[in-house]
Amino acid sequence: MNVRNFLIAIISISGSFVSVAQSNLLNAKIPEEIGLKTAAQLDSDNDKPLAYGYVHDRDVLMGKTTWEIIDLSEKINFALYFPIDTANIGSDRRSLYDVLTKAMKNGEITEVYTDSYFNTKKSLQDIQGSLTRIDTTDAGREQINAGNQISDEYILRTDLSAQDVTQYKIKGYWYFDKRQSELKYRLLGLCPVTPDVYTVNSDEKDYIELFWIFFPAAREVLHEAKAFNDKNSAMPISFDQILNSRRFNALIYKEDNAYGDRSIEEYMKDNAQNQLLESERVKDKIRNFESDMWNY
């Protein structure tokens, strides 16, 4: 009897989740009505990302800046990669790359930079130049040499899309808040990594940092965009929640240091195992600081 009541409760809760995830799904009479919210639902919705609390500089007992790589080939990171083809799914589902680029085109994200230090801004035109390659075939070159106008069929165009994003690089700050006696993490920057458009069809690809986004300035856009939740499709999760709660697997490849913030591969060359061990050492060094605070 208890089991039966438990199952009924689970089904009831799941039904309530459906109404939250896709509004009006069970009441819609035509597909266009799916997703429409009533005025009361719009008023009750919390459409703002969870605000960061104010942290005074004197409350930071320890701080360490780290750079990490999120490998999108790992299953745990698929929510940041898929869907790469949005033709046959609902318009509310996009990959993280599509969300970022669309918001940049619409002017919703303007804090875009060339590197992780956020010194030089990068324009949308500069980014488009890294995503598109226009070339001509040999027949097209012969037309140009003969002084004729080149035919469209001899123009080759290569465009990078969401499926070409292989990694994300992130920059964050680990700090120990002595007021709350807790080790915390604040994400600062986000960068998609793609193959160089001029080497995308070659066997040995060169990978480039496409652009760096100052994460706090993009939180509202990432909060509105929902990713797929494989544990419960009735409760999608926003990209802002995924990244802030670190629901991904990442590998530290650099920390701030006295040598110009050199990366691990610069002083652990040609040895992938030692690079991995060094990355874990940096991670343990940060974690151990919190546990050492309670040792007397």
C-alpha atoms as a PDB file:
ATOM      1  CA  MET A   1       0.000   0.000   0.000  1.00  0.00           C
ATOM      2  CA  ASN A   2       2.816   2.352   0.829  1.00  0.00           C
ATOM      3  CA  VAL A   3       4.491   1.567  -2.476  1.00  0.00           C
ATOM      4  CA  ARG A   4       1.258   2.334  -4.336  1.00  0.00           C
ATOM      5  CA  ASN A   5       0.904   5.694  -2.605  1.00  0.00           C
ATOM      6  CA  PHE A   6       4.535   6.483  -3.323  1.00  0.00           C
ATOM      7  CA  LEU A   7       4.087   5.787  -7.053  1.00  0.00           C
ATOM      8  CA  ILE A   8       0.939   7.916  -7.164  1.00  0.00           C
ATOM      9  CA  ALA A   9       2.829  10.781  -5.554  1.00  0.00           C
ATOM     10  CA  ILE A  10       5.673  10.467  -8.065  1.00  0.00           C
ATOM     11  CA  ILE A  11       3.249  10.514 -11.007  1.00  0.00           C
ATOM     12  CA  SER A  12       1.452  13.539  -9.597  1.00  0.00           C
ATOM     13  CA  ILE A  13       4.700  15.423  -9.135  1.00  0.00           C
ATOM     14  CA  SER A  14       5.835  14.507 -12.642  1.00  0.00           C
ATOM     15  CA  GLY A  15       2.555  15.790 -14.047  1.00  0.00           C
ATOM     16  CA  SER A  16       3.046  19.117 -12.316  1.00  0.00           C
ATOM     17  CA  PHE A  17       6.578  19.308 -13.727  1.00  0.00           C
ATOM     18  CA  VAL A  18       5.233  18.898 -17.258  1.00  0.00           C
ATOM     19  CA  SER A  19       3.013  21.932 -16.901  1.00  0.00           C
ATOM     20  CA  VAL A  20       6.002  23.967 -15.739  1.00  0.00           C
ATOM     21  CA  ALA A  21       8.425  22.825 -18.438  1.00  0.00           C
ATOM     22  CA  GLN A  22       6.152  23.235 -21.490  1.00  0.00           C
ATOM     23  CA  SER A  23       3.309  25.577 -20.675  1.00  0.00           C
ATOM     24  CA  ASN A  24      -0.127  24.672 -22.006  1.00  0.00           C
ATOM     25  CA  LEU A  25       1.177  21.403 -23.489  1.00  0.00           C
ATOM     26  CA  LEU A  26      -1.739  19.320 -22.216  1.00  0.00           C
ATOM     27  CA  ASN A  27      -4.355  21.990 -22.920  1.00  0.00           C
ATOM     28  CA  ALA A  28      -3.269  23.041 -26.413  1.00  0.00           C
ATOM     29  CA  LYS A  29      -5.751  22.388 -29.232  1.00  0.00           C
ATOM     30  CA  ILE A  30      -3.307  23.369 -31.990  1.00  0.00           C
ATOM     31  CA  PRO A  31       0.546  23.187 -32.003  1.00  0.00           C
ATOM     32  CA  GLU A  32       0.818  26.977 -31.986  1.00  0.00           C
ATOM     33  CA  GLU A  33      -0.727  27.089 -28.508  1.00  0.00           C
ATOM     34  CA  ILE A  34       2.076  24.998 -26.980  1.00  0.00           C
ATOM     35  CA  GLY A  35       4.319  27.178 -24.851  1.00  0.00           C
ATOM     36  CA  LEU A  36       1.853  30.010 -24.415  1.00  0.00           C
ATOM     37  CA  LYS A  37       1.562  31.189 -20.831  1.00  0.00           C
ATOM     38  CA  THR A  38      -1.314  32.916 -19.126  1.00  0.00           C
ATOM     39  CA  ALA A  39      -0.876  36.358 -17.597  1.00  0.00           C
ATOM     40  CA  ALA A  40      -0.838  34.792 -14.123  1.00  0.00           C
ATOM     41  CA  GLN A  41       1.935  32.406 -15.117  1.00  0.00           C
ATOM     42  CA  LEU A  42       4.010  35.220 -16.543  1.00  0.00           C
ATOM     43  CA  ASP A  43       3.624  37.233 -13.340  1.00  0.00           C
ATOM     44  CA  SER A  44       4.616  34.288 -11.134  1.00  0.00           C
ATOM     45  CA  ASP A  45       7.623  33.223 -13.194  1.00  0.00           C
ATOM     46  CA  ASN A  46      11.068  34.145 -11.952  1.00  0.00           C
ATOM     47  CA  ASP A  47      12.722  35.196 -15.197  1.00  0.00           C
ATOM     48  CA  LYS A  48      15.937  36.504 -13.696  1.00  0.00           C
ATOM     49  CA  PRO A  49      19.059  34.483 -12.919  1.00  0.00           C
ATOM     50  CA  LEU A  50      19.940  33.983  -9.284  1.00  0.00           C
ATOM     51  CA  ALA A  51      21.889  37.081  -8.307  1.00  0.00           C
ATOM     52  CA  TYR A  52      25.429  36.783  -7.006  1.00  0.00           C
ATOM     53  CA  GLY A  53      25.916  37.968  -3.476  1.00  0.00           C
ATOM     54  CA  TYR A  54      28.237  40.893  -2.838  1.00  0.00           C
ATOM     55  CA  VAL A  55      31.734  39.795  -1.801  1.00  0.00           C
ATOM     56  CA  HIS A  56      34.030  42.349  -0.208  1.00  0.00           C
ATOM     57  CA  ASP A  57      37.713  42.059  -1.068  1.00  0.00           C
ATOM     58  CA  ARG A  58      38.679  41.795   2.589  1.00  0.00           C
ATOM     59  CA  ASP A  59      36.414  38.749   2.956  1.00  0.00           C
ATOM     60  CA  VAL A  60      38.465  36.775   0.418  1.00  0.00           C
ATOM     61  CA  LEU A  61      41.023  34.884   2.469  1.00  0.00           C
ATOM     62  CA  MET A  62      42.448  32.950  -0.495  1.00  0.00           C
ATOM     63  CA  GLY A  63      41.979  33.317  -4.233  1.00  0.00           C
ATOM     64  CA  LYS A  64      43.197  31.373  -7.265  1.00  0.00           C
ATOM     65  CA  THR A  65      42.362  31.922 -10.948  1.00  0.00           C
ATOM     66  CA  THR A  66      42.176  28.803 -13.101  1.00  0.00           C
ATOM     67  CA  TRP A  67      41.567  28.058 -16.760  1.00  0.00           C
ATOM     68  CA  GLU A  68      39.823  24.803 -17.692  1.00  0.00           C
ATOM     69  CA  ILE A  69      38.862  22.840 -20.810  1.00  0.00           C
ATOM     70  CA  ILE A  70      35.418  21.274 -21.219  1.00  0.00           C
ATOM     71  CA  ASP A  71      35.684  18.398 -23.711  1.00  0.00           C
ATOM     72  CA  LEU A  72      32.373  18.113 -25.567  1.00  0.00           C
ATOM     73  CA  SER A  73      33.072  14.507 -26.578  1.00  0.00           C
ATOM     74  CA  GLU A  74      32.427  13.427 -22.977  1.00  0.00           C
ATOM     75  CA  LYS A  75      28.877  12.298 -22.348  1.00  0.00           C
ATOM     76  CA  ILE A  76      28.465  14.391 -19.217  1.00  0.00           C
ATOM     77  CA  ASN A  77      29.075  17.510 -21.334  1.00  0.00           C
ATOM     78  CA  PHE A  78      26.574  16.666 -24.097  1.00  0.00           C
ATOM     79  CA  ALA A  79      24.046  19.191 -22.756  1.00  0.00           C
ATOM     80  CA  LEU A  80      26.428  21.967 -23.845  1.00  0.00           C
ATOM     81  CA  TYR A  81      26.908  20.492 -27.340  1.00  0.00           C
ATOM     82  CA  PHE A  82      23.583  19.166 -28.564  1.00  0.00           C
ATOM     83  CA  PRO A  83      21.413  19.772 -30.507  1.00  0.00           C
ATOM     84  CA  ILE A  84      23.669  20.597 -33.447  1.00  0.00           C
ATOM     85  CA  ASP A  85      20.802  20.381 -35.947  1.00  0.00           C
ATOM     86  CA  THR A  86      17.766  22.419 -34.903  1.00  0.00           C
ATOM     87  CA  ALA A  87      15.656  21.849 -38.022  1.00  0.00           C
ATOM     88  CA  ASN A  88      13.521  19.059 -36.587  1.00  0.00           C
ATOM     89  CA  ILE A  89      13.113  20.120 -32.956  1.00  0.00           C
ATOM     90  CA  GLY A  90      11.344  22.843 -31.053  1.00  0.00           C
ATOM     91  CA  SER A  91      12.580  26.392 -31.430  1.00  0.00           C
ATOM     92  CA  ASP A  92      13.291  26.638 -27.695  1.00  0.00           C
ATOM     93  CA  ARG A  93      16.158  24.152 -27.806  1.00  0.00           C
ATOM     94  CA  ARG A  94      19.563  25.257 -29.035  1.00  0.00           C
ATOM     95  CA  SER A  95      23.159  24.343 -28.411  1.00  0.00           C
ATOM     96  CA  LEU A  96      25.203  26.663 -26.232  1.00  0.00           C
ATOM     97  CA  TYR A  97      27.142  27.857 -29.277  1.00  0.00           C
ATOM     98  CA  ASP A  98      23.952  28.796 -31.138  1.00  0.00           C
ATOM     99  CA  VAL A  99      22.643  30.628 -28.079  1.00  0.00           C
ATOM    100  CA  LEU A 100      25.834  32.681 -27.783  1.00  0.00           C
ATOM    101  CA  THR A 101      26.170  33.567 -31.467  1.00  0.00           C
ATOM    102  CA  LYS A 102      22.478  34.440 -31.822  1.00  0.00           C
ATOM    103  CA  ALA A 103      22.646  36.728 -28.781  1.00  0.00           C
ATOM    104  CA  MET A 104      25.751  38.414 -30.185  1.00  0.00           C
ATOM    105  CA  LYS A 105      24.026  39.067 -33.519  1.00  0.00           C
ATOM    106  CA  ASN A 106      20.993  40.494 -31.727  1.00  0.00           C
ATOM    107  CA  GLY A 107      23.140  42.748 -29.554  1.00  0.00           C
ATOM    108  CA  GLU A 108      22.151  41.001 -26.326  1.00  0.00           C
ATOM    109  CA  ILE A 109      25.768  40.026 -25.630  1.00  0.00           C
ATOM    110  CA  THR A 110      28.301  42.790 -26.218  1.00  0.00           C
ATOM    111  CA  GLU A 111      31.135  41.886 -23.840  1.00  0.00           C
ATOM    112  CA  VAL A 112      33.111  39.799 -26.358  1.00  0.00           C
ATOM    113  CA  TYR A 113      36.908  39.772 -26.269  1.00  0.00           C
ATOM    114  CA  THR A 114      39.909  38.292 -28.027  1.00  0.00           C
ATOM    115  CA  ASP A 115      41.467  36.679 -24.935  1.00  0.00           C
ATOM    116  CA  SER A 116      40.668  35.602 -21.400  1.00  0.00           C
ATOM    117  CA  TYR A 117      42.045  38.810 -19.869  1.00  0.00           C
ATOM    118  CA  PHE A 118      39.222  40.876 -21.426  1.00  0.00           C
ATOM    119  CA  ASN A 119      41.530  43.633 -22.654  1.00  0.00           C
ATOM    120  CA  THR A 120      40.595  43.888 -26.349  1.00  0.00           C
ATOM    121  CA  LYS A 121      37.056  43.630 -27.637  1.00  0.00           C
ATOM    122  CA  LYS A 122      36.286  41.520 -30.699  1.00  0.00           C
ATOM    123  CA  SER A 123      33.702  42.566 -33.255  1.00  0.00           C
ATOM    124  CA  LEU A 124      31.140  40.321 -34.876  1.00  0.00           C
ATOM    125  CA  GLN A 125      32.809  40.885 -38.246  1.00  0.00           C
ATOM    126  CA  ASP A 126      36.104  39.550 -36.888  1.00  0.00           C
ATOM    127  CA  ILE A 127      34.348  36.445 -35.596  1.00  0.00           C
ATOM    128  CA  GLN A 128      32.568  35.866 -38.906  1.00  0.00           C
ATOM    129  CA  GLY A 129      35.940  35.967 -40.649  1.00  0.00           C
ATOM    130  CA  SER A 130      37.084  33.059 -38.496  1.00  0.00           C
ATOM    131  CA  LEU A 131      33.964  31.021 -39.308  1.00  0.00           C
ATOM    132  CA  THR A 132      33.885  31.312 -43.097  1.00  0.00           C
ATOM    133  CA  ARG A 133      36.368  30.442 -45.811  1.00  0.00           C
ATOM    134  CA  ILE A 134      35.762  31.348 -49.438  1.00  0.00           C
ATOM    135  CA  ASP A 135      37.989  29.720 -52.076  1.00  0.00           C
ATOM    136  CA  THR A 136      37.892  28.986 -55.780  1.00  0.00           C
ATOM    137  CA  THR A 137      38.532  25.815 -57.761  1.00  0.00           C
ATOM    138  CA  ASP A 138      41.217  25.496 -60.425  1.00  0.00           C
ATOM    139  CA  ALA A 139      38.597  26.111 -63.112  1.00  0.00           C
ATOM    140  CA  GLY A 140      37.595  29.304 -61.342  1.00  0.00           C
ATOM    141  CA  ARG A 141      41.182  30.503 -61.270  1.00  0.00           C
ATOM    142  CA  GLU A 142      41.446  29.875 -64.994  1.00  0.00           C
ATOM    143  CA  GLN A 143      38.420  32.100 -65.540  1.00  0.00           C
ATOM    144  CA  ILE A 144      40.038  34.843 -63.436  1.00  0.00           C
ATOM    145  CA  ASN A 145      43.333  34.560 -65.332  1.00  0.00           C
ATOM    146  CA  ALA A 146      41.457  34.795 -68.613  1.00  0.00           C
ATOM    147  CA  GLY A 147      39.841  38.034 -67.449  1.00  0.00           C
ATOM    148  CA  ASN A 148      36.349  36.559 -67.182  1.00  0.00           C
ATOM    149  CA  GLN A 149      33.879  36.758 -64.326  1.00  0.00           C
ATOM    150  CA  ILE A 150      34.065  33.685 -62.142  1.00  0.00           C
ATOM    151  CA  SER A 151      31.029  31.410 -62.124  1.00  0.00           C
ATOM    152  CA  ASP A 152      29.257  30.684 -58.853  1.00  0.00           C
ATOM    153  CA  GLU A 153      29.750  26.940 -59.301  1.00  0.00           C
ATOM    154  CA  TYR A 154      33.520  27.412 -59.011  1.00  0.00           C
ATOM    155  CA  ILE A 155      33.327  29.258 -55.683  1.00  0.00           C
ATOM    156  CA  LEU A 156      33.837  27.061 -52.626  1.00  0.00           C
ATOM    157  CA  ARG A 157      32.424  28.223 -49.303  1.00  0.00           C
ATOM    158  CA  THR A 158      33.204  26.522 -45.990  1.00  0.00           C
ATOM    159  CA  ASP A 159      31.258  27.512 -42.888  1.00  0.00           C
ATOM    160  CA  LEU A 160      31.804  26.378 -39.310  1.00  0.00           C
ATOM    161  CA  SER A 161      28.717  25.619 -37.261  1.00  0.00           C
ATOM    162  CA  ALA A 162      27.753  24.256 -33.848  1.00  0.00           C
ATOM    163  CA  GLN A 163      28.852  20.743 -34.767  1.00  0.00           C
ATOM    164  CA  ASP A 164      32.431  21.973 -35.256  1.00  0.00           C
ATOM    165  CA  VAL A 165      32.763  23.207 -31.662  1.00  0.00           C
ATOM    166  CA  THR A 166      34.903  20.600 -29.944  1.00  0.00           C
ATOM    167  CA  GLN A 167      35.647  22.242 -26.593  1.00  0.00           C
ATOM    168  CA  TYR A 168      34.866  25.155 -24.353  1.00  0.00           C
ATOM    169  CA  LYS A 169      37.497  26.965 -22.366  1.00  0.00           C
ATOM    170  CA  ILE A 170      36.417  28.609 -19.152  1.00  0.00           C
ATOM    171  CA  LYS A 171      38.112  30.997 -16.764  1.00  0.00           C
ATOM    172  CA  GLY A 172      37.074  31.064 -13.140  1.00  0.00           C
ATOM    173  CA  TYR A 173      38.082  32.234  -9.714  1.00  0.00           C
ATOM    174  CA  TRP A 174      38.244  29.959  -6.668  1.00  0.00           C
ATOM    175  CA  TYR A 175      38.116  31.841  -3.388  1.00  0.00           C
ATOM    176  CA  PHE A 176      37.646  31.137   0.296  1.00  0.00           C
ATOM    177  CA  ASP A 177      35.000  33.380   1.820  1.00  0.00           C
ATOM    178  CA  LYS A 178      36.068  33.827   5.426  1.00  0.00           C
ATOM    179  CA  ARG A 179      32.751  35.428   6.340  1.00  0.00           C
ATOM    180  CA  GLN A 180      30.899  32.231   5.408  1.00  0.00           C
ATOM    181  CA  SER A 181      33.885  29.897   5.932  1.00  0.00           C
ATOM    182  CA  GLU A 182      33.345  28.295   2.551  1.00  0.00           C
ATOM    183  CA  LEU A 183      35.313  27.637  -0.607  1.00  0.00           C
ATOM    184  CA  LYS A 184      33.432  29.078  -3.598  1.00  0.00           C
ATOM    185  CA  TYR A 185      33.796  29.366  -7.344  1.00  0.00           C
ATOM    186  CA  ARG A 186      32.878  32.231  -9.644  1.00  0.00           C
ATOM    187  CA  LEU A 187      32.856  31.710 -13.417  1.00  0.00           C
ATOM    188  CA  LEU A 188      34.351  34.685 -15.266  1.00  0.00           C
ATOM    189  CA  GLY A 189      34.853  33.773 -18.917  1.00  0.00           C
ATOM    190  CA  LEU A 190      33.625  31.352 -21.578  1.00  0.00           C
ATOM    191  CA  CYS A 191      35.218  30.552 -24.933  1.00  0.00           C
ATOM    192  CA  PRO A 192      34.213  28.110 -27.723  1.00  0.00           C
ATOM    193  CA  VAL A 193      37.089  26.295 -29.410  1.00  0.00           C
ATOM    194  CA  THR A 194      36.759  25.392 -33.105  1.00  0.00           C
ATOM    195  CA  PRO A 195      39.092  24.167 -35.844  1.00  0.00           C
ATOM    196  CA  ASP A 196      40.702  26.826 -37.968  1.00  0.00           C
ATOM    197  CA  VAL A 197      38.427  27.147 -40.998  1.00  0.00           C
ATOM    198  CA  TYR A 198      41.475  26.781 -43.279  1.00  0.00           C
ATOM    199  CA  THR A 199      42.420  23.410 -41.746  1.00  0.00           C
ATOM    200  CA  VAL A 200      38.947  21.983 -41.084  1.00  0.00           C
ATOM    201  CA  ASN A 201      39.187  19.570 -44.035  1.00  0.00           C
ATOM    202  CA  SER A 202      42.784  18.508 -43.409  1.00  0.00           C
ATOM    203  CA  ASP A 203      44.005  15.550 -41.377  1.00  0.00           C
ATOM    204  CA  GLU A 204      45.837  17.756 -38.878  1.00  0.00           C
ATOM    205  CA  LYS A 205      43.535  20.500 -37.682  1.00  0.00           C
ATOM    206  CA  ASP A 206      44.614  23.669 -35.922  1.00  0.00           C
ATOM    207  CA  TYR A 207      42.253  24.713 -33.141  1.00  0.00           C
ATOM    208  CA  ILE A 208      41.625  28.335 -32.216  1.00  0.00           C
ATOM    209  CA  GLU A 209      39.869  30.260 -29.472  1.00  0.00           C
ATOM    210  CA  LEU A 210      36.940  31.782 -31.327  1.00  0.00           C
ATOM    211  CA  PHE A 211      36.060  34.491 -28.785  1.00  0.00           C
ATOM    212  CA  TRP A 212      35.900  35.063 -25.035  1.00  0.00           C
ATOM    213  CA  ILE A 213      32.675  36.188 -23.381  1.00  0.00           C
ATOM    214  CA  PHE A 214      32.610  37.863 -19.985  1.00  0.00           C
ATOM    215  CA  PHE A 215      30.237  35.431 -18.295  1.00  0.00           C
ATOM    216  CA  PRO A 216      28.491  37.712 -15.746  1.00  0.00           C
ATOM    217  CA  ALA A 217      27.343  39.957 -18.615  1.00  0.00           C
ATOM    218  CA  ALA A 218      25.778  36.994 -20.469  1.00  0.00           C
ATOM    219  CA  ARG A 219      23.899  35.400 -17.560  1.00  0.00           C
ATOM    220  CA  GLU A 220      20.448  36.710 -18.479  1.00  0.00           C
ATOM    221  CA  VAL A 221      20.730  35.305 -22.005  1.00  0.00           C
ATOM    222  CA  LEU A 222      21.984  31.944 -20.718  1.00  0.00           C
ATOM    223  CA  HIS A 223      19.236  31.871 -18.110  1.00  0.00           C
ATOM    224  CA  GLU A 224      16.536  32.198 -20.779  1.00  0.00           C
ATOM    225  CA  ALA A 225      18.056  29.416 -22.910  1.00  0.00           C
ATOM    226  CA  LYS A 226      17.209  25.913 -21.750  1.00  0.00           C
ATOM    227  CA  ALA A 227      19.311  22.780 -22.151  1.00  0.00           C
ATOM    228  CA  PHE A 228      18.057  19.210 -22.208  1.00  0.00           C
ATOM    229  CA  ASN A 229      17.803  17.443 -18.863  1.00  0.00           C
ATOM    230  CA  ASP A 230      18.358  13.725 -19.507  1.00  0.00           C
ATOM    231  CA  LYS A 231      17.097  12.817 -16.039  1.00  0.00           C
ATOM    232  CA  ASN A 232      13.758  14.553 -16.476  1.00  0.00           C
ATOM    233  CA  SER A 233      12.767  16.086 -19.803  1.00  0.00           C
ATOM    234  CA  ALA A 234       9.850  17.827 -18.091  1.00  0.00           C
ATOM    235  CA  MET A 235      12.300  19.970 -16.136  1.00  0.00           C
ATOM    236  CA  PRO A 236      14.795  21.589 -18.521  1.00  0.00           C
ATOM    237  CA  ILE A 237      17.759  23.339 -16.989  1.00  0.00           C
ATOM    238  CA  SER A 238      19.213  26.637 -18.123  1.00  0.00           C
ATOM    239  CA  PHE A 239      22.775  27.016 -19.339  1.00  0.00           C
ATOM    240  CA  ASP A 240      23.324  29.502 -16.532  1.00  0.00           C
ATOM    241  CA  GLN A 241      22.452  26.822 -13.977  1.00  0.00           C
ATOM    242  CA  ILE A 242      24.657  24.214 -15.651  1.00  0.00           C
ATOM    243  CA  LEU A 243      27.702  26.448 -15.702  1.00  0.00           C
ATOM    244  CA  ASN A 244      27.254  28.054 -12.281  1.00  0.00           C
ATOM    245  CA  SER A 245      26.632  24.723 -10.553  1.00  0.00           C
ATOM    246  CA  ARG A 246      29.512  23.107 -12.487  1.00  0.00           C
ATOM    247  CA  ARG A 247      27.399  20.314 -13.911  1.00  0.00           C
ATOM    248  CA  PHE A 248      30.150  19.374 -16.339  1.00  0.00           C
ATOM    249  CA  ASN A 249      33.546  17.752 -16.368  1.00  0.00           C
ATOM    250  CA  ALA A 250      36.569  19.966 -16.986  1.00  0.00           C
ATOM    251  CA  LEU A 251      40.342  19.748 -16.866  1.00  0.00           C
ATOM    252  CA  ILE A 252      42.558  22.526 -15.547  1.00  0.00           C
ATOM    253  CA  TYR A 253      45.127  23.548 -18.137  1.00  0.00           C
ATOM    254  CA  LYS A 254      46.443  26.753 -16.549  1.00  0.00           C
ATOM    255  CA  GLU A 255      46.550  28.647 -13.271  1.00  0.00           C
ATOM    256  CA  ASP A 256      47.755  32.124 -12.424  1.00  0.00           C
ATOM    257  CA  ASN A 257      51.453  31.991 -11.561  1.00  0.00           C
ATOM    258  CA  ALA A 258      54.644  34.011 -11.486  1.00  0.00           C
ATOM    259  CA  TYR A 259      55.683  32.865 -14.959  1.00  0.00           C
ATOM    260  CA  GLY A 260      53.164  34.921 -16.914  1.00  0.00           C
ATOM    261  CA  ASP A 261      50.326  32.483 -16.263  1.00  0.00           C
ATOM    262  CA  ARG A 262      52.026  29.840 -18.360  1.00  0.00           C
ATOM    263  CA  SER A 263      49.983  26.751 -19.153  1.00  0.00           C
ATOM    264  CA  ILE A 264      50.727  23.264 -17.874  1.00  0.00           C
ATOM    265  CA  GLU A 265      51.791  22.001 -21.299  1.00  0.00           C
ATOM    266  CA  GLU A 266      54.498  24.664 -21.420  1.00  0.00           C
ATOM    267  CA  TYR A 267      56.416  23.147 -18.512  1.00  0.00           C
ATOM    268  CA  MET A 268      55.147  19.556 -18.842  1.00  0.00           C
ATOM    269  CA  LYS A 269      55.955  19.023 -22.493  1.00  0.00           C
ATOM    270  CA  ASP A 270      55.303  15.865 -24.516  1.00  0.00           C
ATOM    271  CA  ASN A 271      53.942  13.919 -21.570  1.00  0.00           C
ATOM    272  CA  ALA A 272      50.166  13.741 -21.403  1.00  0.00           C
ATOM    273  CA  GLN A 273      50.154  11.685 -18.212  1.00  0.00           C
ATOM    274  CA  ASN A 274      52.265  14.202 -16.317  1.00  0.00           C
ATOM    275  CA  GLN A 275      50.045  17.012 -17.594  1.00  0.00           C
ATOM    276  CA  LEU A 276      46.994  15.200 -16.245  1.00  0.00           C
ATOM    277  CA  LEU A 277      48.688  14.616 -12.885  1.00  0.00           C
ATOM    278  CA  GLU A 278      49.719  18.270 -12.703  1.00  0.00           C
ATOM    279  CA  SER A 279      46.144  19.322 -13.411  1.00  0.00           C
ATOM    280  CA  GLU A 280      44.926  17.140 -10.545  1.00  0.00           C
ATOM    281  CA  ARG A 281      47.647  18.576  -8.290  1.00  0.00           C
ATOM    282  CA  VAL A 282      46.411  22.118  -8.922  1.00  0.00           C
ATOM    283  CA  LYS A 283      42.846  21.016  -8.196  1.00  0.00           C
ATOM    284  CA  ASP A 284      43.862  19.269  -4.964  1.00  0.00           C
ATOM    285  CA  LYS A 285      45.865  22.304  -3.866  1.00  0.00           C
ATOM    286  CA  ILE A 286      42.734  24.440  -4.051  1.00  0.00           C
ATOM    287  CA  ARG A 287      40.522  21.879  -2.323  1.00  0.00           C
ATOM    288  CA  ASN A 288      43.023  21.201   0.432  1.00  0.00           C
ATOM    289  CA  PHE A 289      43.052  24.832   1.457  1.00  0.00           C
ATOM    290  CA  GLU A 290      39.485  24.547   2.723  1.00  0.00           C
ATOM    291  CA  SER A 291      40.111  21.299   4.613  1.00  0.00           C
ATOM    292  CA  ASP A 292      43.329  22.677   6.120  1.00  0.00           C
ATOM    293  CA  MET A 293      41.358  25.541   7.610  1.00  0.00           C
ATOM    294  CA  TRP A 294      39.776  23.095  10.051  1.00  0.00           C
ATOM    295  CA  ASN A 295      42.980  21.347  11.109  1.00  0.00           C
ATOM    296  CA  TYR A 296      44.547  22.488  14.355  1.00  0.00           C
END
